[in-house]
Amino acid sequence: EDGDITHPLTHKAFTLAMDMWHYCEDKGHLQDDGDKDVQEMLFNAHTLGAKLAGALDSLALDGDDAEAGFIVACLKRSLRFFDGAMSATAKVRRKNLLDAGRLNTFRRELFNIREAVIDHIVEAASRRETGARGLRGSRVPALEEAAFLTGGDEGPSRGVVDVGGGGG
């Protein structure tokens, strides 16, 4: 829109964070006396987008010529902000501060972004032929994600985690 070249995942993360920021601002949670967990959720979501920009926007400019090792390191570092955002969403959910459907959509979109980040890590590991250790390190988070996603729900949960990338 503004002429800047960004990776689609960076754009998705930025748009998601800004949409939720506007929603929370309209609800009055961003004032100085606003809820700290909402603010923490938004801080981490915005920082995730910034970290993804640092890692991926060079791909939008340079294609596959970008340094894969640097990109993987940056992507792995970005995941801590995903974790921070998700932790804060669990606190916000328990407080019933935001519409549950809106918060669930936000969480689901964050997980979609995380899945795409992990896919980038796996793809780079495959290209660099780092072997099972490199792939294991990038797939364990998929299992953690599944546990985290269902951990805040009431009652038992059951699901399928597709770690093969076959999707379905």
Protein backbone atom coordinates (compact mmCIF):
# COMPACT_ATOMS: atom_id res chain seq x y z
CA GLU A 1 0.00 0.00 0.00
CA ASP A 2 2.70 2.49 0.99
CA GLY A 3 5.29 1.26 -1.50
CA ASP A 4 7.31 -0.76 1.01
CA ILE A 5 8.16 -4.33 0.05
CA THR A 6 7.19 -6.79 2.76
CA HIS A 7 6.90 -10.52 3.02
CA PRO A 8 3.25 -11.73 3.06
CA LEU A 9 3.70 -13.24 6.53
CA THR A 10 5.03 -9.95 7.87
CA HIS A 11 2.01 -8.19 6.41
CA LYS A 12 -0.35 -10.76 7.94
CA ALA A 13 1.22 -10.38 11.40
CA PHE A 14 1.18 -6.59 11.20
CA THR A 15 -2.44 -6.49 10.06
CA LEU A 16 -3.53 -8.92 12.76
CA ALA A 17 -1.80 -6.93 15.51
CA MET A 18 -3.19 -3.61 14.26
CA ASP A 19 -6.74 -4.92 13.95
CA MET A 20 -6.63 -6.20 17.52
CA TRP A 21 -5.00 -2.96 18.69
CA HIS A 22 -7.85 -0.90 17.21
CA TYR A 23 -10.43 -3.24 18.74
CA CYS A 24 -8.80 -2.99 22.19
CA GLU A 25 -8.45 0.77 21.87
CA ASP A 26 -12.17 1.04 21.14
CA LYS A 27 -12.83 -1.04 24.28
CA GLY A 28 -10.70 1.34 26.40
CA HIS A 29 -7.99 -1.15 27.30
CA LEU A 30 -5.08 0.92 25.99
CA GLN A 31 -5.37 3.86 28.36
CA ASP A 32 -2.74 4.31 31.07
CA ASP A 33 -5.09 2.55 33.48
CA GLY A 34 -6.00 -0.13 30.92
CA ASP A 35 -5.54 -3.83 31.46
CA LYS A 36 -1.86 -4.81 31.55
CA ASP A 37 -2.50 -8.28 30.09
CA VAL A 38 -4.25 -6.79 27.05
CA GLN A 39 -1.34 -4.41 26.63
CA GLU A 40 1.15 -7.27 26.98
CA MET A 41 -0.77 -9.29 24.40
CA LEU A 42 -0.61 -6.44 21.92
CA PHE A 43 3.04 -5.62 22.65
CA ASN A 44 4.05 -9.20 21.92
CA ALA A 45 1.90 -9.41 18.78
CA HIS A 46 3.40 -6.17 17.42
CA THR A 47 6.93 -7.27 18.31
CA LEU A 48 6.32 -10.62 16.60
CA GLY A 49 5.46 -8.71 13.43
CA ALA A 50 8.59 -6.58 13.73
CA LYS A 51 10.79 -9.65 14.26
CA LEU A 52 9.22 -11.33 11.25
CA ALA A 53 9.90 -8.23 9.19
CA GLY A 54 13.56 -8.38 10.19
CA ALA A 55 13.74 -12.05 9.24
CA LEU A 56 11.55 -12.27 6.16
CA ASP A 57 11.37 -8.93 4.38
CA SER A 58 14.80 -9.56 2.88
CA LEU A 59 13.24 -12.61 1.19
CA ALA A 60 10.67 -10.33 -0.41
CA LEU A 61 13.55 -8.27 -1.81
CA ASP A 62 16.25 -10.88 -2.45
CA GLY A 63 14.34 -14.12 -2.90
CA ASP A 64 16.31 -17.24 -2.04
CA ASP A 65 19.63 -15.36 -2.04
CA ALA A 66 19.12 -14.28 1.57
CA GLU A 67 21.27 -16.03 4.20
CA ALA A 68 19.22 -19.02 5.37
CA GLY A 69 21.05 -19.41 8.69
CA PHE A 70 20.39 -15.80 9.65
CA ILE A 71 16.73 -16.09 8.70
CA VAL A 72 16.28 -19.28 10.72
CA ALA A 73 17.91 -17.69 13.77
CA CYS A 74 15.68 -14.63 13.50
CA LEU A 75 12.57 -16.75 13.02
CA LYS A 76 13.38 -18.86 16.07
CA ARG A 77 13.86 -15.70 18.13
CA SER A 78 10.52 -14.35 16.94
CA LEU A 79 8.68 -17.33 18.44
CA ARG A 80 9.24 -16.08 22.01
CA PHE A 81 6.95 -13.15 21.17
CA PHE A 82 4.35 -15.58 19.89
CA ASP A 83 4.60 -17.37 23.24
CA GLY A 84 4.27 -14.07 25.09
CA ALA A 85 1.20 -13.08 23.09
CA MET A 86 -0.42 -16.47 23.65
CA SER A 87 0.30 -16.40 27.37
CA ALA A 88 -1.30 -12.97 27.61
CA THR A 89 -4.35 -14.09 25.59
CA ALA A 90 -4.92 -16.87 28.14
CA LYS A 91 -4.92 -14.28 30.95
CA VAL A 92 -7.23 -11.98 28.98
CA ARG A 93 -9.56 -14.91 28.29
CA ARG A 94 -9.80 -15.78 32.00
CA LYS A 95 -10.68 -12.16 32.80
CA ASN A 96 -13.41 -12.05 30.10
CA LEU A 97 -12.11 -8.68 28.92
CA LEU A 98 -12.72 -9.17 25.21
CA ASP A 99 -15.31 -10.88 23.08
CA ALA A 100 -14.48 -14.60 23.21
CA GLY A 101 -15.02 -15.10 19.49
CA ARG A 102 -12.76 -12.18 18.61
CA LEU A 103 -10.07 -13.39 21.00
CA ASN A 104 -10.30 -16.96 19.65
CA THR A 105 -9.93 -15.68 16.08
CA PHE A 106 -6.89 -13.68 17.15
CA ARG A 107 -5.36 -16.76 18.79
CA ARG A 108 -6.12 -18.94 15.76
CA GLU A 109 -4.49 -16.42 13.42
CA LEU A 110 -1.44 -16.22 15.67
CA PHE A 111 -1.17 -20.01 15.48
CA ASN A 112 -1.44 -19.83 11.68
CA ILE A 113 1.43 -17.36 11.66
CA ARG A 114 3.45 -19.61 13.95
CA GLU A 115 2.79 -22.59 11.69
CA ALA A 116 4.04 -20.61 8.71
CA VAL A 117 7.15 -19.58 10.66
CA ILE A 118 7.85 -23.22 11.51
CA ASP A 119 7.33 -24.16 7.87
CA HIS A 120 9.95 -21.55 6.88
CA ILE A 121 12.36 -22.98 9.45
CA VAL A 122 11.81 -26.54 8.21
CA GLU A 123 12.20 -25.48 4.58
CA ALA A 124 15.46 -23.71 5.35
CA ALA A 125 16.68 -26.72 7.35
CA SER A 126 15.83 -29.00 4.42
CA ARG A 127 17.66 -26.76 1.96
CA ARG A 128 20.69 -26.61 4.23
CA GLU A 129 20.44 -30.37 4.86
CA THR A 130 20.76 -29.97 8.63
CA GLY A 131 19.26 -33.41 9.10
CA ALA A 132 16.94 -34.81 11.73
CA ARG A 133 18.33 -32.71 14.58
CA GLY A 134 17.53 -29.48 12.74
CA LEU A 135 14.09 -30.68 11.74
CA ARG A 136 13.37 -32.07 15.21
CA GLY A 137 14.17 -28.70 16.74
CA SER A 138 11.67 -27.03 14.48
CA ARG A 139 8.90 -29.65 14.83
CA VAL A 140 8.86 -30.05 18.60
CA PRO A 141 7.21 -26.62 18.79
CA ALA A 142 4.31 -27.98 16.70
CA LEU A 143 3.56 -30.44 19.47
CA GLU A 144 4.00 -27.74 22.10
CA GLU A 145 1.60 -25.57 20.10
CA ALA A 146 -1.06 -28.27 20.16
CA ALA A 147 -0.66 -28.67 23.90
CA PHE A 148 -0.75 -24.91 24.43
CA LEU A 149 -3.78 -24.47 22.20
CA THR A 150 -5.83 -26.99 24.13
CA GLY A 151 -4.33 -26.28 27.56
CA GLY A 152 -6.57 -23.31 28.36
CA ASP A 153 -9.79 -25.03 27.41
CA GLU A 154 -12.19 -26.51 29.91
CA GLY A 155 -12.42 -30.30 29.95
CA PRO A 156 -10.54 -32.87 27.90
CA SER A 157 -9.46 -32.03 24.37
CA ARG A 158 -8.53 -34.16 21.43
CA GLY A 159 -6.89 -33.17 18.18
CA VAL A 160 -4.54 -34.15 15.39
CA VAL A 161 -1.16 -32.56 14.80
CA ASP A 162 0.09 -32.90 11.23
CA VAL A 163 3.86 -32.64 11.49
CA GLY A 164 4.41 -34.00 8.02
CA GLY A 165 3.18 -30.89 6.24
CA GLY A 166 0.64 -32.93 4.26
CA GLY A 167 -2.21 -30.95 5.81
CA GLY A 168 -5.79 -31.82 5.61
